[in-house]
Protein backbone atom coordinates (compact mmCIF):
# COMPACT_ATOMS: atom_id res chain seq x y z
CA MET A 1 0.00 0.00 0.00
CA CYS A 2 2.88 2.39 0.75
CA ALA A 3 5.22 1.60 -2.15
CA ALA A 4 2.98 3.08 -4.83
CA TYR A 5 3.01 6.56 -3.28
CA LYS A 6 5.55 9.15 -2.21
CA VAL A 7 3.05 9.94 0.53
CA PRO A 8 0.63 7.11 1.31
CA PHE A 9 -2.82 7.89 2.60
CA LEU A 10 -2.14 5.60 5.57
CA ASP A 11 1.05 3.79 6.62
CA LEU A 12 0.32 0.76 8.80
CA THR A 13 3.44 -1.07 7.68
CA GLY A 14 5.80 1.40 9.29
CA LEU A 15 3.79 1.47 12.50
CA HIS A 16 3.76 -2.31 12.83
CA ALA A 17 7.45 -2.65 11.98
CA LYS A 18 8.33 -0.75 15.16
CA LEU A 19 6.09 -3.03 17.26
CA GLU A 20 6.83 -6.31 15.47
CA GLU A 21 8.61 -8.15 18.29
CA GLU A 22 5.98 -7.21 20.87
CA LEU A 23 3.14 -8.20 18.55
CA VAL A 24 4.73 -11.52 17.64
CA ALA A 25 5.22 -12.24 21.36
CA VAL A 26 1.45 -12.00 21.83
CA PHE A 27 0.91 -14.65 19.17
CA ARG A 28 3.57 -16.93 20.67
CA GLN A 29 1.96 -16.65 24.10
CA ALA A 30 -1.43 -17.58 22.65
CA LEU A 31 0.10 -20.65 21.01
CA LYS A 32 1.74 -21.73 24.27
CA THR A 33 -1.39 -21.28 26.38
CA SER A 34 -4.08 -22.03 23.76
CA GLY A 35 -5.84 -18.92 25.06
CA PHE A 36 -7.56 -17.83 21.87
CA VAL A 37 -11.05 -16.69 22.96
CA GLY A 38 -11.73 -14.61 26.06
CA GLY A 39 -9.48 -15.01 29.07
CA SER A 40 -7.03 -12.68 30.75
CA GLU A 41 -5.86 -10.81 27.63
CA VAL A 42 -9.41 -9.70 26.85
CA GLU A 43 -10.21 -8.92 30.48
CA GLU A 44 -7.06 -6.84 30.94
CA PHE A 45 -7.65 -4.93 27.73
CA GLU A 46 -11.22 -4.18 28.81
CA LYS A 47 -9.97 -2.74 32.10
CA GLU A 48 -7.27 -0.68 30.40
CA PHE A 49 -9.50 0.71 27.67
CA ALA A 50 -12.27 1.57 30.16
CA ARG A 51 -9.69 3.50 32.16
CA PHE A 52 -8.44 5.25 29.01
CA CYS A 53 -12.01 6.36 28.17
CA ASP A 54 -12.83 7.41 31.76
CA ALA A 55 -15.64 4.83 31.71
CA ASP A 56 -16.54 2.31 34.39
CA TYR A 57 -16.91 -0.65 32.07
CA CYS A 58 -15.68 -1.90 28.71
CA VAL A 59 -16.81 -5.00 26.86
CA GLY A 60 -14.67 -6.22 23.96
CA VAL A 61 -16.59 -7.43 20.90
CA SER A 62 -15.84 -8.55 17.36
CA SER A 63 -16.34 -5.25 15.48
CA GLY A 64 -17.50 -1.67 15.79
CA THR A 65 -20.77 -2.64 14.10
CA ASP A 66 -21.46 -5.28 16.75
CA ALA A 67 -20.45 -2.78 19.43
CA LEU A 68 -23.10 -0.30 18.34
CA ARG A 69 -25.74 -2.97 17.72
CA PHE A 70 -25.20 -4.58 21.14
CA ALA A 71 -25.08 -1.18 22.87
CA LEU A 72 -28.43 -0.18 21.37
CA MET A 73 -30.07 -3.49 22.23
CA ALA A 74 -28.71 -3.47 25.79
CA ALA A 75 -29.91 0.14 26.19
CA GLY A 76 -33.47 -0.95 25.47
CA VAL A 77 -33.87 -0.24 21.76
CA ALA A 78 -36.41 -2.78 20.49
CA PRO A 79 -37.78 -3.83 17.09
CA GLY A 80 -40.00 -1.11 15.69
CA ASP A 81 -38.34 1.75 17.54
CA VAL A 82 -36.84 4.76 15.75
CA VAL A 83 -33.20 5.69 16.28
CA VAL A 84 -32.01 9.07 14.98
CA THR A 85 -28.56 9.60 13.50
CA VAL A 86 -26.84 11.48 10.65
CA PRO A 87 -26.58 10.67 6.93
CA ASN A 88 -22.88 11.60 6.73
CA THR A 89 -21.32 8.50 8.28
CA PHE A 90 -20.22 5.00 7.35
CA ILE A 91 -23.10 2.61 6.76
CA ALA A 92 -22.14 0.57 9.84
CA THR A 93 -23.90 3.20 11.97
CA THR A 94 -27.24 2.52 10.34
CA GLU A 95 -26.61 -1.20 9.88
CA ALA A 96 -26.29 -1.48 13.65
CA ILE A 97 -29.59 0.34 14.09
CA SER A 98 -31.38 -1.84 11.53
CA GLN A 99 -29.85 -5.04 12.88
CA ALA A 100 -31.14 -4.14 16.32
CA GLY A 101 -34.60 -4.19 14.71
CA ALA A 102 -34.99 -0.41 14.78
CA LEU A 103 -35.65 2.11 12.03
CA PRO A 104 -32.96 4.69 11.25
CA ARG A 105 -34.11 8.27 10.74
CA PHE A 106 -31.77 11.09 9.83
CA VAL A 107 -31.11 14.70 10.78
CA ASP A 108 -28.69 16.94 8.94
CA ILE A 109 -25.17 17.86 9.95
CA ASP A 110 -23.43 21.08 10.92
CA GLU A 111 -21.51 22.41 7.92
CA ASN A 112 -18.47 23.34 9.99
CA THR A 113 -17.92 20.15 12.00
CA TYR A 114 -19.81 17.63 9.79
CA ASN A 115 -21.31 16.24 13.01
CA MET A 116 -24.93 16.14 14.12
CA ASP A 117 -26.55 19.59 14.16
CA ALA A 118 -28.47 19.84 17.43
CA ALA A 119 -30.74 22.51 15.94
CA ARG A 120 -31.77 20.05 13.19
CA LEU A 121 -32.34 17.37 15.82
CA ALA A 122 -34.58 19.78 17.73
CA ASP A 123 -36.50 20.59 14.54
CA TYR A 124 -37.06 16.88 13.88
CA LEU A 125 -38.22 16.10 17.42
CA GLU A 126 -40.45 19.14 17.78
CA ASN A 127 -41.88 19.53 14.27
CA LYS A 128 -41.71 16.11 12.65
CA CYS A 129 -42.83 14.15 15.69
CA ILE A 130 -45.77 14.24 18.07
CA PRO A 131 -45.62 13.39 21.81
CA GLU A 132 -46.54 9.86 22.73
CA GLY A 133 -49.09 9.36 25.48
CA GLY A 134 -47.60 8.19 28.75
CA ASN A 135 -43.87 8.74 28.84
CA GLY A 136 -43.89 11.63 26.38
CA ARG A 137 -41.43 10.15 23.92
CA PRO A 138 -41.75 11.52 20.38
CA VAL A 139 -43.59 9.57 17.71
CA ASP A 140 -42.33 10.03 14.16
CA LYS A 141 -45.25 11.49 12.19
CA GLU A 142 -44.32 9.77 8.93
CA THR A 143 -43.82 6.25 10.27
CA GLY A 144 -45.95 6.29 13.44
CA LYS A 145 -43.05 4.72 15.36
CA VAL A 146 -41.72 5.78 18.75
CA VAL A 147 -38.35 7.52 18.81
CA LYS A 148 -36.25 5.73 21.40
CA ALA A 149 -32.64 6.81 20.95
CA VAL A 150 -30.22 9.17 19.24
CA VAL A 151 -26.76 8.20 17.93
CA PRO A 152 -24.43 11.18 17.48
CA VAL A 153 -21.33 10.21 15.47
CA HIS A 154 -17.97 11.64 16.55
CA LEU A 155 -16.86 11.84 12.95
CA TYR A 156 -13.24 12.03 11.77
CA GLY A 157 -12.00 11.98 15.37
CA GLN A 158 -13.91 15.02 16.65
CA SER A 159 -16.68 14.91 19.21
CA ALA A 160 -20.16 16.07 18.33
CA ASP A 161 -21.54 19.01 20.34
CA MET A 162 -23.02 16.87 23.09
CA ASP A 163 -24.50 19.33 25.62
CA PRO A 164 -27.46 20.44 23.44
CA ILE A 165 -27.98 16.85 22.29
CA PHE A 166 -28.24 15.69 25.89
CA GLU A 167 -30.63 18.53 26.73
CA LEU A 168 -32.93 17.43 23.91
CA ALA A 169 -32.59 13.78 24.89
CA GLU A 170 -33.60 14.53 28.47
CA ARG A 171 -36.54 16.67 27.35
CA HIS A 172 -37.83 13.89 25.08
CA SER A 173 -36.87 10.84 27.19
CA LEU A 174 -34.34 9.56 24.64
CA THR A 175 -31.29 7.36 25.17
CA VAL A 176 -27.98 8.67 23.81
CA VAL A 177 -25.53 6.10 22.45
CA GLU A 178 -22.27 7.50 21.08
CA ASP A 179 -20.79 6.24 17.83
CA ALA A 180 -17.18 6.77 18.85
CA CYS A 181 -15.73 4.39 16.25
CA GLN A 182 -13.40 7.13 14.95
CA ALA A 183 -12.82 8.94 18.25
CA HIS A 184 -10.42 6.96 20.46
CA GLY A 185 -9.26 9.63 22.91
CA ALA A 186 -11.23 12.59 21.53
CA GLU A 187 -12.40 15.04 24.20
CA TYR A 188 -15.33 17.41 24.63
CA PHE A 189 -15.70 20.29 27.07
CA SER A 190 -19.11 19.98 28.68
CA ASN A 191 -20.48 23.22 30.08
CA ARG A 192 -23.13 21.16 31.83
CA GLU A 193 -20.44 19.37 33.81
CA ASN A 194 -17.84 22.16 33.60
CA GLN A 195 -15.09 19.75 32.60
CA TRP A 196 -13.42 17.97 29.70
CA THR A 197 -15.00 14.60 29.00
CA LYS A 198 -13.76 11.69 26.90
CA ALA A 199 -15.59 10.21 23.94
CA GLY A 200 -17.04 6.96 25.23
CA SER A 201 -17.86 8.26 28.70
CA MET A 202 -20.77 10.60 27.98
CA GLY A 203 -23.74 8.59 26.70
CA LYS A 204 -25.65 5.65 28.09
CA ALA A 205 -23.09 3.64 26.14
CA ALA A 206 -20.60 4.12 23.32
CA ALA A 207 -19.30 2.00 20.48
CA PHE A 208 -15.69 1.81 19.30
CA SER A 209 -14.18 0.12 16.26
CA PHE A 210 -10.66 -1.31 16.19
CA TYR A 211 -10.54 -1.80 12.44
CA PRO A 212 -6.82 -1.71 11.49
CA GLY A 213 -6.82 1.86 10.14
CA LYS A 214 -8.34 3.41 13.27
CA ASN A 215 -6.26 5.44 15.74
CA LEU A 216 -6.33 2.32 17.90
CA GLY A 217 -6.48 -0.51 15.39
CA ALA A 218 -6.27 -4.26 15.76
CA CYS A 219 -4.44 -6.49 13.28
CA GLY A 220 -7.84 -7.66 12.12
CA GLU A 221 -11.35 -6.93 13.35
CA GLY A 222 -12.38 -5.79 16.81
CA GLY A 223 -14.61 -3.41 18.73
CA ALA A 224 -15.75 -2.44 22.21
CA VAL A 225 -18.68 -1.02 24.15
CA THR A 226 -17.94 1.42 26.96
CA THR A 227 -20.49 2.43 29.59
CA ASN A 228 -20.94 3.59 33.17
CA ASP A 229 -23.98 1.32 33.57
CA ALA A 230 -23.24 -2.04 35.19
CA GLU A 231 -26.47 -3.67 33.99
CA LEU A 232 -25.94 -2.52 30.41
CA SER A 233 -22.41 -3.93 30.56
CA ARG A 234 -23.78 -7.27 31.78
CA LYS A 235 -26.29 -7.42 28.94
CA VAL A 236 -23.65 -6.66 26.31
CA ARG A 237 -21.47 -9.45 27.72
CA MET A 238 -24.35 -11.86 27.25
CA LEU A 239 -25.27 -10.56 23.79
CA ARG A 240 -21.70 -11.06 22.51
CA ASP A 241 -21.62 -14.67 23.77
CA HIS A 242 -24.85 -16.40 22.74
CA GLY A 243 -26.83 -14.88 25.60
CA GLN A 244 -24.90 -16.82 28.22
CA ALA A 245 -24.83 -15.62 31.81
CA LYS A 246 -22.48 -18.55 32.38
CA LYS A 247 -21.46 -21.41 30.12
CA TYR A 248 -24.51 -23.22 28.68
CA TYR A 249 -26.97 -21.11 30.73
CA HIS A 250 -28.67 -18.73 28.30
CA GLU A 251 -30.81 -15.85 29.57
CA MET A 252 -31.55 -14.64 26.03
CA GLU A 253 -30.76 -15.35 22.41
CA GLY A 254 -27.45 -13.73 21.67
CA TYR A 255 -24.76 -13.57 19.03
CA ASN A 256 -21.24 -14.75 18.38
CA GLY A 257 -19.60 -11.37 18.73
CA ARG A 258 -16.56 -11.92 20.94
CA LEU A 259 -13.18 -10.19 20.78
CA ASP A 260 -10.47 -12.81 20.39
CA ALA A 261 -7.52 -12.92 22.76
CA ILE A 262 -4.79 -12.34 20.18
CA GLN A 263 -6.43 -9.12 18.97
CA ALA A 264 -6.91 -8.01 22.59
CA GLY A 265 -3.20 -8.59 23.20
CA PHE A 266 -2.30 -6.53 20.13
CA LEU A 267 -4.62 -3.76 21.29
CA ARG A 268 -3.09 -3.70 24.77
CA ILE A 269 0.33 -3.05 23.24
CA LYS A 270 -0.97 -0.34 20.94
CA LEU A 271 -3.06 1.32 23.66
CA ARG A 272 0.16 2.21 25.50
CA HIS A 273 1.21 4.27 22.47
CA LEU A 274 -2.17 5.79 21.67
CA PRO A 275 -1.79 9.11 23.56
CA GLU A 276 1.53 9.73 21.77
CA TRP A 277 0.06 8.73 18.39
CA ASN A 278 -2.94 11.00 18.90
CA GLU A 279 -0.66 13.90 19.79
CA LYS A 280 1.40 13.29 16.65
CA ARG A 281 -1.81 13.43 14.61
CA ARG A 282 -2.73 16.73 16.24
CA GLN A 283 0.74 18.10 15.47
CA ALA A 284 0.41 16.95 11.86
CA ALA A 285 -2.97 18.69 11.65
CA GLY A 286 -1.34 21.87 12.92
CA ARG A 287 1.38 21.64 10.28
CA TYR A 288 -1.24 21.19 7.55
CA ARG A 289 -2.93 24.39 8.73
CA GLU A 290 0.34 26.31 8.70
CA LEU A 291 1.21 25.06 5.22
CA CYS A 292 -2.22 25.92 3.84
CA GLY A 293 -2.09 29.44 5.23
CA THR A 294 -5.15 31.64 5.67
CA ASP A 295 -6.69 31.40 2.20
CA GLU A 296 -9.68 29.11 2.71
CA HIS A 297 -11.46 29.94 -0.54
CA ALA A 298 -9.86 27.14 -2.56
CA VAL A 299 -9.36 24.64 0.30
CA ILE A 300 -11.66 24.60 3.32
CA LEU A 301 -9.76 23.20 6.29
CA PRO A 302 -11.23 21.18 9.17
CA TYR A 303 -12.92 23.30 11.83
CA GLU A 304 -12.04 22.48 15.43
CA PRO A 305 -14.20 24.39 17.92
CA ASP A 306 -12.67 25.40 21.24
CA TRP A 307 -14.93 22.87 22.98
CA THR A 308 -13.26 19.89 21.33
CA ARG A 309 -9.87 18.24 21.29
CA ALA A 310 -9.90 16.27 18.07
CA ILE A 311 -7.60 13.30 17.53
CA TYR A 312 -7.68 13.54 13.71
CA HIS A 313 -8.53 10.03 12.68
CA LEU A 314 -8.91 11.77 9.33
CA PHE A 315 -7.86 15.19 8.05
CA VAL A 316 -10.73 16.15 5.78
CA VAL A 317 -10.67 19.25 3.59
CA ARG A 318 -13.23 20.52 1.09
CA VAL A 319 -12.40 21.41 -2.50
CA ALA A 320 -14.20 22.08 -5.74
CA HIS A 321 -13.44 19.72 -8.64
CA ARG A 322 -12.61 16.95 -6.21
CA GLU A 323 -12.33 14.08 -8.69
CA GLU A 324 -9.93 16.04 -10.88
CA ILE A 325 -7.85 17.02 -7.86
CA MET A 326 -7.73 13.43 -6.57
CA GLN A 327 -6.51 12.20 -9.94
CA TYR A 328 -3.81 14.89 -10.04
CA LEU A 329 -2.64 13.98 -6.54
CA SER A 330 -2.60 10.28 -7.34
CA LEU A 331 -0.41 10.86 -10.40
CA ALA A 332 1.87 12.99 -8.19
CA GLY A 333 2.22 10.12 -5.71
CA VAL A 334 -0.08 11.42 -2.98
CA GLY A 335 -2.70 9.05 -1.57
CA THR A 336 -6.16 10.40 -0.67
CA GLY A 337 -9.58 9.09 0.37
CA ILE A 338 -13.25 10.10 0.45
CA HIS A 339 -15.27 9.77 3.67
CA TYR A 340 -18.04 9.53 2.42
CA PRO A 341 -19.07 10.03 -1.23
CA ILE A 342 -22.82 9.41 -1.00
CA PRO A 343 -24.92 10.35 2.05
CA LEU A 344 -26.72 7.33 3.47
CA HIS A 345 -30.22 8.60 2.74
CA LEU A 346 -29.35 8.49 -0.98
CA GLN A 347 -27.78 5.03 -0.92
CA LYS A 348 -29.61 2.24 -2.74
CA ALA A 349 -29.63 0.21 0.47
CA TYR A 350 -31.95 2.79 2.06
CA GLN A 351 -34.32 3.56 -0.79
CA HIS A 352 -37.08 1.98 1.28
CA LEU A 353 -36.80 4.78 3.85
CA GLY A 354 -38.33 7.16 1.32
CA TYR A 355 -35.80 9.98 1.45
CA ARG A 356 -35.11 12.10 -1.62
CA PRO A 357 -32.39 14.45 -2.86
CA GLY A 358 -32.70 17.76 -1.05
CA ASP A 359 -33.89 16.27 2.25
CA PHE A 360 -30.52 16.91 3.96
CA PRO A 361 -28.95 19.79 2.05
CA VAL A 362 -25.81 20.21 4.15
CA ALA A 363 -24.78 16.55 3.91
CA GLU A 364 -25.54 16.66 0.18
CA LYS A 365 -23.54 19.89 -0.27
CA VAL A 366 -20.36 18.63 1.38
CA ALA A 367 -20.41 15.05 0.01
CA PRO A 368 -18.98 15.92 -3.43
CA GLU A 369 -16.37 18.25 -1.90
CA ILE A 370 -14.82 16.35 1.02
CA LEU A 371 -11.32 14.97 0.51
CA SER A 372 -9.25 13.11 3.12
CA LEU A 373 -5.52 13.91 3.02
CA PRO A 374 -2.79 11.58 4.33
CA MET A 375 -2.91 11.32 8.13
CA PHE A 376 -1.05 8.88 10.38
CA PRO A 377 1.31 9.19 13.37
CA GLY A 378 4.47 8.73 11.29
CA LEU A 379 3.57 11.42 8.75
CA THR A 380 6.65 13.66 8.35
CA SER A 381 6.99 17.37 7.70
CA ASP A 382 8.65 16.61 4.38
CA GLN A 383 5.71 14.40 3.35
CA GLN A 384 3.26 17.12 4.33
CA ASN A 385 5.20 19.67 2.30
CA ILE A 386 4.75 17.40 -0.72
CA VAL A 387 1.02 16.96 -0.01
CA ILE A 388 0.26 20.67 0.25
CA ALA A 389 2.52 21.64 -2.65
CA GLN A 390 0.79 19.12 -4.89
CA LEU A 391 -2.66 20.04 -3.56
CA SER A 392 -1.99 23.71 -4.36
CA GLU A 393 -0.89 22.77 -7.88
CA ALA A 394 -3.95 20.55 -8.31
CA VAL A 395 -6.32 23.30 -7.19
CA LEU A 396 -4.63 25.77 -9.55
CA GLU A 397 -4.81 23.37 -12.50
CA ALA A 398 -8.48 22.60 -11.77
CA ALA A 399 -9.28 26.33 -11.72
CA LYS A 400 -7.47 26.84 -15.04
CA HIS A 401 -9.39 23.95 -16.57
CA GLU A 402 -12.67 25.42 -15.36
CA ARG A 403 -11.84 28.77 -16.97
CA ARG A 404 -10.91 27.10 -20.26
CA GLU A 405 -14.18 25.17 -20.25
CA ALA A 406 -16.14 28.38 -19.58
CA ALA A 407 -14.37 30.34 -22.36
């Protein structure tokens, strides 16, 4: 993946080379002990990651998708309920909602942060829903289904603005489950609590992914649920393991969604480096800003409000003529990505939800413009100089081409 580019989009090879002996030792230990599923490696990782997230409990599972699905189910989301999230996210967010038996409904994003816009959430709850008799939960006017939960996504490594989301959730008796799959170590300053809070410690529960490219990535698949609720933690433990309270005693139907011991061992090693890696990403983000300067007309840089400490899982800019610019960068040896090209409400998989173009104008506006630049802990100043020099050339060439076409 790295050899084809002067500056790869992501360099996992270099990261793993530095940890090779430690990682191989985990595998050797598993072979010697035959401890492949569960056991002390998983238990120790759960304790360490809970501590890292300032959460009371962590339950390791097989993927970020399972983490969110199990968190929603354990939090009381049932078949037929509505769960509200955003259309600008990876499909795993809505897959988890659907697989829990619930119906995903969307609200638009904030154009600066690309995260859930609390004002749009308020509009949905107060104008597109009616109060249910009894507990006062909203009922979606279009579907007639009760709104049970909201899933804000901490996209690209930056926390959503959680205080107004929590205020709305409390007013409407909704459960908040964080999608923190890209936010390992991200922080949010809560005015409600007058302190910095970690992603994964704020909602009823939170879901993390350890897909290899994440800030904390396994060497395969993995995920975790964090929570401060002991009963929710207990339910997730059963859901991940066929509904077992203890071996062969099943309190419910569950799933095979366990985190294996080898991946937990790899994650324990990497977790020790995560604060340093996150800081290197923040430093790289700062260098990108310096190199781009103050002219934001051609390239719109990521916006980091003073109430967040982003950990830059991705460094996402916005440009016109994105496809042309990506092609130019690729030919110049610079890797890039798109996260995400088509908002979920316009995906074929969700045609049945009945959304149409124009329903979420902000998500639809940014989707053809967003471009992810190289971002990883080992990214060097020299590599970033190449990225921005080539990006500037690409933007200039795209503008010239547009003028020629218009002439």
